[in-house]
Amino acid sequence: MNAHERRRLSALRSDRETVLAAASALRHEAVQARYAGLSSPEIAFGLASILELLAMRIADQPPDVRAHVVRIAREMAGEPMDSPTIRRTRRR
């Protein structure tokens, strides 16, 4: 295995762990909200399951989809944005 392949696998592993961390954080927050008497956690559990499926197949995703999923997962897990000074908006 060459250095390029090791870096690629390391990046994929890191992305997978980030998405799984977001799923875990989402479930934890849903359970905590339920304990506080707030809304039902079914929607959060469903989204967490989708994130876990995406994480398990992260290597099969197109690069732009993978980058978007990881960016959203980082925000959900409480990590700062890639560049907080740049606002991401829809192009018109």
C-alpha atoms as a PDB file:
ATOM      1  CA  MET A   1       0.000   0.000   0.000  1.00  0.00           C
ATOM      2  CA  ASN A   2       1.518   3.318  -1.026  1.00  0.00           C
ATOM      3  CA  ALA A   3       1.400   6.634   0.828  1.00  0.00           C
ATOM      4  CA  HIS A   4      -1.431   7.992  -1.312  1.00  0.00           C
ATOM      5  CA  GLU A   5      -3.632   4.998  -0.563  1.00  0.00           C
ATOM      6  CA  ARG A   6      -2.847   5.221   3.167  1.00  0.00           C
ATOM      7  CA  ARG A   7      -3.845   8.913   3.189  1.00  0.00           C
ATOM      8  CA  ARG A   8      -7.059   8.100   1.313  1.00  0.00           C
ATOM      9  CA  LEU A   9      -7.978   5.324   3.751  1.00  0.00           C
ATOM     10  CA  SER A  10      -7.149   7.545   6.698  1.00  0.00           C
ATOM     11  CA  ALA A  11      -9.372  10.305   5.304  1.00  0.00           C
ATOM     12  CA  LEU A  12     -12.208   7.840   4.747  1.00  0.00           C
ATOM     13  CA  ARG A  13     -11.837   6.489   8.283  1.00  0.00           C
ATOM     14  CA  SER A  14     -11.886  10.021   9.691  1.00  0.00           C
ATOM     15  CA  ASP A  15     -14.976  10.912   7.654  1.00  0.00           C
ATOM     16  CA  ARG A  16     -16.741   7.746   8.801  1.00  0.00           C
ATOM     17  CA  GLU A  17     -15.950   8.500  12.443  1.00  0.00           C
ATOM     18  CA  THR A  18     -17.206  12.079  12.045  1.00  0.00           C
ATOM     19  CA  VAL A  19     -20.546  10.958  10.616  1.00  0.00           C
ATOM     20  CA  LEU A  20     -20.927   8.271  13.279  1.00  0.00           C
ATOM     21  CA  ALA A  21     -20.169  10.843  15.981  1.00  0.00           C
ATOM     22  CA  ALA A  22     -22.942  13.069  14.599  1.00  0.00           C
ATOM     23  CA  ALA A  23     -25.383  10.137  14.686  1.00  0.00           C
ATOM     24  CA  SER A  24     -24.410   9.383  18.267  1.00  0.00           C
ATOM     25  CA  ALA A  25     -24.737  13.031  19.311  1.00  0.00           C
ATOM     26  CA  LEU A  26     -28.142  13.244  17.641  1.00  0.00           C
ATOM     27  CA  ARG A  27     -29.403  10.183  19.504  1.00  0.00           C
ATOM     28  CA  HIS A  28     -27.993  11.455  22.798  1.00  0.00           C
ATOM     29  CA  GLU A  29     -29.647  14.857  22.396  1.00  0.00           C
ATOM     30  CA  ALA A  30     -32.970  13.209  21.485  1.00  0.00           C
ATOM     31  CA  VAL A  31     -32.873  11.033  24.590  1.00  0.00           C
ATOM     32  CA  GLN A  32     -31.969  14.009  26.779  1.00  0.00           C
ATOM     33  CA  ALA A  33     -34.828  16.024  25.293  1.00  0.00           C
ATOM     34  CA  ARG A  34     -37.202  13.127  25.965  1.00  0.00           C
ATOM     35  CA  TYR A  35     -36.096  13.036  29.604  1.00  0.00           C
ATOM     36  CA  ALA A  36     -36.865  16.743  29.804  1.00  0.00           C
ATOM     37  CA  GLY A  37     -40.410  16.068  28.567  1.00  0.00           C
ATOM     38  CA  LEU A  38     -39.903  17.493  25.090  1.00  0.00           C
ATOM     39  CA  SER A  39     -40.811  15.997  21.726  1.00  0.00           C
ATOM     40  CA  SER A  40     -40.595  12.355  20.757  1.00  0.00           C
ATOM     41  CA  PRO A  41     -37.185  11.138  19.562  1.00  0.00           C
ATOM     42  CA  GLU A  42     -38.349   8.991  16.610  1.00  0.00           C
ATOM     43  CA  ILE A  43     -37.374  11.533  13.948  1.00  0.00           C
ATOM     44  CA  ALA A  44     -33.923  12.015  15.445  1.00  0.00           C
ATOM     45  CA  PHE A  45     -33.421   8.248  15.644  1.00  0.00           C
ATOM     46  CA  GLY A  46     -34.422   7.902  11.991  1.00  0.00           C
ATOM     47  CA  LEU A  47     -31.970  10.596  10.918  1.00  0.00           C
ATOM     48  CA  ALA A  48     -29.248   9.012  13.047  1.00  0.00           C
ATOM     49  CA  SER A  49     -29.873   5.693  11.300  1.00  0.00           C
ATOM     50  CA  ILE A  50     -29.544   7.373   7.900  1.00  0.00           C
ATOM     51  CA  LEU A  51     -26.265   8.946   9.007  1.00  0.00           C
ATOM     52  CA  GLU A  52     -24.987   5.547  10.121  1.00  0.00           C
ATOM     53  CA  LEU A  53     -25.876   4.027   6.738  1.00  0.00           C
ATOM     54  CA  LEU A  54     -24.065   6.872   4.976  1.00  0.00           C
ATOM     55  CA  ALA A  55     -21.060   6.372   7.255  1.00  0.00           C
ATOM     56  CA  MET A  56     -20.860   2.665   6.495  1.00  0.00           C
ATOM     57  CA  ARG A  57     -20.873   3.359   2.746  1.00  0.00           C
ATOM     58  CA  ILE A  58     -18.806   6.575   2.830  1.00  0.00           C
ATOM     59  CA  ALA A  59     -16.204   5.215   0.395  1.00  0.00           C
ATOM     60  CA  ASP A  60     -18.908   4.542  -2.205  1.00  0.00           C
ATOM     61  CA  GLN A  61     -20.246   8.095  -2.165  1.00  0.00           C
ATOM     62  CA  PRO A  62     -19.283  10.596  -4.863  1.00  0.00           C
ATOM     63  CA  PRO A  63     -16.700  13.075  -3.511  1.00  0.00           C
ATOM     64  CA  ASP A  64     -19.111  16.032  -3.464  1.00  0.00           C
ATOM     65  CA  VAL A  65     -21.800  14.049  -1.613  1.00  0.00           C
ATOM     66  CA  ARG A  66     -19.243  12.721   0.854  1.00  0.00           C
ATOM     67  CA  ALA A  67     -17.908  16.232   1.518  1.00  0.00           C
ATOM     68  CA  HIS A  68     -21.419  17.563   2.100  1.00  0.00           C
ATOM     69  CA  VAL A  69     -22.376  14.723   4.463  1.00  0.00           C
ATOM     70  CA  VAL A  70     -19.165  15.192   6.453  1.00  0.00           C
ATOM     71  CA  ARG A  71     -19.631  18.976   6.619  1.00  0.00           C
ATOM     72  CA  ILE A  72     -23.185  18.592   7.919  1.00  0.00           C
ATOM     73  CA  ALA A  73     -22.074  15.890  10.382  1.00  0.00           C
ATOM     74  CA  ARG A  74     -19.349  18.171  11.736  1.00  0.00           C
ATOM     75  CA  GLU A  75     -21.859  20.941  12.314  1.00  0.00           C
ATOM     76  CA  MET A  76     -24.266  18.504  13.992  1.00  0.00           C
ATOM     77  CA  ALA A  77     -21.495  17.200  16.254  1.00  0.00           C
ATOM     78  CA  GLY A  78     -20.647  20.752  17.293  1.00  0.00           C
ATOM     79  CA  GLU A  79     -17.385  21.119  15.405  1.00  0.00           C
ATOM     80  CA  PRO A  80     -16.775  24.508  13.795  1.00  0.00           C
ATOM     81  CA  MET A  81     -17.381  25.041  10.098  1.00  0.00           C
ATOM     82  CA  ASP A  82     -14.500  24.633   7.647  1.00  0.00           C
ATOM     83  CA  SER A  83     -14.245  28.384   7.245  1.00  0.00           C
ATOM     84  CA  PRO A  84     -16.756  30.309   9.387  1.00  0.00           C
ATOM     85  CA  THR A  85     -16.036  33.575   7.586  1.00  0.00           C
ATOM     86  CA  ILE A  86     -17.409  32.158   4.319  1.00  0.00           C
ATOM     87  CA  ARG A  87     -21.170  31.903   4.234  1.00  0.00           C
ATOM     88  CA  ARG A  88     -22.525  29.078   2.183  1.00  0.00           C
ATOM     89  CA  THR A  89     -25.641  30.064   0.312  1.00  0.00           C
ATOM     90  CA  ARG A  90     -27.500  28.706  -2.642  1.00  0.00           C
ATOM     91  CA  ARG A  91     -26.283  29.877  -5.988  1.00  0.00           C
ATOM     92  CA  ARG A  92     -28.855  31.616  -8.093  1.00  0.00           C
END
